[in-house]
Amino acid sequence: MGTLTWYNGYSPYERDKNYEELKRQIKVKKLAEPNGPCRLCGDTGKDEPGHFKGVVVFQYHNEDYSLPLKHGEPALYVVCRHCHVHKLHKRFDNVPGWNAFLAHVRRGGYARDLKDPNVAKEVRMFAAALVRGANIELSRIGPYDKPIGREWFALLRVDIESQRDPAARPT
């Protein structure tokens, strides 16, 4: 079964064709297997002090599904599976949760840290506070050195209409 949803104005058909080409290029070694760090949460895949321990799987995330396949940013990013499946593609359904996750990343948190029930609860409480308009802060986990609000993922649209809107495509 192929892709069932639109993304950045690309149809499920276009997304499937791109994915088949991505798999082909990996198979013939024209494109390397995805390897960290995650370009969203920064997870290196290594066990590090202050972070939840565990295996991290890296995947490619496309922002541009046009062919020929583009190998680099801003079309193709390496991200961890959690960021890819549970955050990037679900941001439309839970905007406060997406914004809380970005706050978690900006405090130096990794996506895998959300496997810790205390961290997950703190991020959920932060999302609820955002909905209420309350001003709370998350405790720092690690360093974060990117310009806040200018990261590639901060510039992504969260409105459901962007899934079918070609104007949502990267420039």
Protein backbone atom coordinates (compact mmCIF):
# COMPACT_ATOMS: atom_id res chain seq x y z
CA MET A 1 0.00 0.00 0.00
CA GLY A 2 1.35 3.44 -0.88
CA THR A 3 1.13 6.86 0.64
CA LEU A 4 -2.42 7.96 1.32
CA THR A 5 -1.93 11.64 2.12
CA TRP A 6 -0.92 14.82 0.40
CA TYR A 7 2.08 16.82 1.65
CA ASN A 8 3.31 20.27 0.56
CA GLY A 9 1.02 20.13 -2.46
CA TYR A 10 2.41 16.78 -3.59
CA SER A 11 -0.12 14.04 -4.28
CA PRO A 12 0.13 10.55 -2.83
CA TYR A 13 1.16 9.37 -6.31
CA GLU A 14 4.04 11.88 -6.49
CA ARG A 15 5.15 10.97 -2.98
CA ASP A 16 5.14 7.26 -3.80
CA LYS A 17 7.18 7.78 -6.97
CA ASN A 18 9.73 9.83 -5.03
CA TYR A 19 9.92 7.19 -2.29
CA GLU A 20 10.53 4.43 -4.84
CA GLU A 21 13.34 6.50 -6.35
CA LEU A 22 14.78 7.16 -2.89
CA LYS A 23 14.85 3.41 -2.14
CA ARG A 24 16.40 2.71 -5.54
CA GLN A 25 19.16 5.26 -5.06
CA ILE A 26 19.99 3.83 -1.63
CA LYS A 27 20.06 0.31 -3.07
CA VAL A 28 22.47 1.26 -5.89
CA LYS A 29 24.53 3.29 -3.38
CA LYS A 30 23.97 6.61 -5.14
CA LEU A 31 22.54 7.83 -1.83
CA ALA A 32 23.85 6.69 1.56
CA GLU A 33 21.64 5.08 4.18
CA PRO A 34 20.34 7.80 6.51
CA ASN A 35 22.63 8.37 9.48
CA GLY A 36 22.43 10.88 12.33
CA PRO A 37 22.35 13.30 13.80
CA CYS A 38 18.66 14.06 13.47
CA ARG A 39 18.25 17.42 11.74
CA LEU A 40 15.22 18.19 13.92
CA CYS A 41 15.97 17.12 17.50
CA GLY A 42 19.75 16.76 17.14
CA ASP A 43 19.89 13.17 18.43
CA THR A 44 23.18 11.57 17.44
CA GLY A 45 21.96 8.03 18.10
CA LYS A 46 24.57 7.55 20.83
CA ASP A 47 23.75 7.17 24.50
CA GLU A 48 24.54 10.51 26.14
CA PRO A 49 24.28 11.73 29.73
CA GLY A 50 20.94 13.40 30.47
CA HIS A 51 19.11 11.66 27.63
CA PHE A 52 16.94 8.55 27.58
CA LYS A 53 18.96 5.53 26.48
CA GLY A 54 17.90 3.47 23.50
CA VAL A 55 18.27 2.63 19.84
CA VAL A 56 17.62 5.46 17.39
CA VAL A 57 16.58 4.74 13.82
CA PHE A 58 17.25 7.42 11.22
CA GLN A 59 15.13 8.03 8.11
CA TYR A 60 14.93 10.49 5.27
CA HIS A 61 12.21 13.14 5.39
CA ASN A 62 11.23 14.83 2.13
CA GLU A 63 9.97 18.34 1.87
CA ASP A 64 10.25 18.24 -1.93
CA TYR A 65 8.77 15.20 -3.67
CA SER A 66 9.45 16.34 -7.21
CA LEU A 67 11.61 14.26 -9.47
CA PRO A 68 14.47 14.05 -10.10
CA LEU A 69 15.14 13.32 -6.43
CA LYS A 70 17.09 16.04 -4.67
CA HIS A 71 19.69 14.71 -2.27
CA GLY A 72 20.17 17.63 0.06
CA GLU A 73 18.50 20.25 2.16
CA PRO A 74 15.98 21.91 1.90
CA ALA A 75 14.49 18.99 -0.05
CA LEU A 76 15.72 15.99 1.93
CA TYR A 77 16.61 15.80 5.64
CA VAL A 78 17.89 13.01 7.86
CA VAL A 79 15.66 12.76 10.93
CA CYS A 80 15.12 10.19 13.63
CA ARG A 81 12.09 7.96 13.20
CA HIS A 82 10.27 9.50 16.18
CA CYS A 83 10.61 13.04 14.80
CA HIS A 84 9.59 11.84 11.34
CA VAL A 85 6.59 9.67 12.12
CA HIS A 86 5.27 11.15 15.37
CA LYS A 87 6.09 14.85 15.02
CA LEU A 88 6.69 16.14 11.48
CA HIS A 89 3.81 14.37 9.77
CA LYS A 90 1.42 14.74 12.72
CA ARG A 91 1.97 18.44 13.34
CA PHE A 92 -1.23 19.31 11.44
CA ASP A 93 -3.39 17.35 13.88
CA ASN A 94 -1.87 18.76 17.07
CA VAL A 95 -0.36 22.22 16.66
CA PRO A 96 0.05 22.83 20.44
CA GLY A 97 1.79 19.45 20.71
CA TRP A 98 4.09 20.38 17.81
CA ASN A 99 4.95 23.72 19.41
CA ALA A 100 5.57 22.03 22.77
CA PHE A 101 7.85 19.52 21.04
CA LEU A 102 9.81 22.36 19.43
CA ALA A 103 10.20 23.93 22.89
CA HIS A 104 11.48 20.55 24.13
CA VAL A 105 14.01 20.41 21.28
CA ARG A 106 15.11 23.99 21.99
CA ARG A 107 15.81 23.11 25.61
CA GLY A 108 18.25 20.52 24.32
CA GLY A 109 15.85 17.56 24.34
CA TYR A 110 15.77 14.66 21.95
CA ALA A 111 12.63 12.97 20.67
CA ARG A 112 13.63 9.73 22.42
CA ASP A 113 13.60 11.59 25.75
CA LEU A 114 9.81 11.51 25.48
CA LYS A 115 9.98 7.80 26.32
CA ASP A 116 10.71 8.94 29.88
CA PRO A 117 7.24 9.31 31.46
CA ASN A 118 8.32 12.39 33.46
CA VAL A 119 9.65 14.19 30.38
CA ALA A 120 6.57 13.24 28.35
CA LYS A 121 4.28 14.56 31.11
CA GLU A 122 6.24 17.82 31.33
CA VAL A 123 5.91 18.37 27.55
CA ARG A 124 2.18 17.54 27.62
CA MET A 125 1.69 20.03 30.47
CA PHE A 126 3.60 22.62 28.44
CA ALA A 127 1.30 22.00 25.44
CA ALA A 128 -1.76 22.44 27.67
CA ALA A 129 -0.30 25.67 29.03
CA LEU A 130 0.18 26.94 25.47
CA VAL A 131 -3.52 26.32 24.77
CA ARG A 132 -4.47 28.24 27.95
CA GLY A 133 -2.10 31.09 27.09
CA ALA A 134 -0.07 30.47 30.25
CA ASN A 135 3.61 31.30 30.30
CA ILE A 136 5.71 28.42 31.64
CA GLU A 137 9.20 27.18 30.87
CA LEU A 138 10.65 23.75 30.39
CA SER A 139 13.76 22.81 32.35
CA ARG A 140 16.99 22.71 30.34
CA ILE A 141 18.23 19.26 29.26
CA GLY A 142 21.21 20.13 27.08
CA PRO A 143 22.71 22.75 24.79
CA TYR A 144 20.92 24.25 21.80
CA ASP A 145 22.83 26.50 19.42
CA LYS A 146 20.49 27.11 16.48
CA PRO A 147 18.80 30.49 15.89
CA ILE A 148 15.37 29.96 17.44
CA GLY A 149 12.52 30.49 15.00
CA ARG A 150 14.75 30.27 11.93
CA GLU A 151 15.33 26.51 11.93
CA TRP A 152 14.02 24.69 8.83
CA PHE A 153 11.34 22.93 10.87
CA ALA A 154 10.16 26.17 12.48
CA LEU A 155 9.32 27.52 9.03
CA LEU A 156 7.03 24.60 8.12
CA ARG A 157 3.35 25.32 7.84
CA VAL A 158 1.01 23.65 10.31
CA ASP A 159 -2.33 24.43 8.67
CA ILE A 160 -4.10 21.42 7.23
CA GLU A 161 -4.60 23.28 3.92
CA SER A 162 -0.83 23.28 3.36
CA GLN A 163 -0.93 19.57 2.66
CA ARG A 164 -2.56 20.21 -0.72
CA ASP A 165 -1.13 23.70 -1.31
CA PRO A 166 1.81 23.82 -3.77
CA ALA A 167 2.86 27.10 -2.12
CA ALA A 168 3.93 25.04 0.92
CA ARG A 169 6.78 23.52 -1.11
CA PRO A 170 10.33 24.57 -0.17
CA THR A 171 11.92 27.31 -2.21
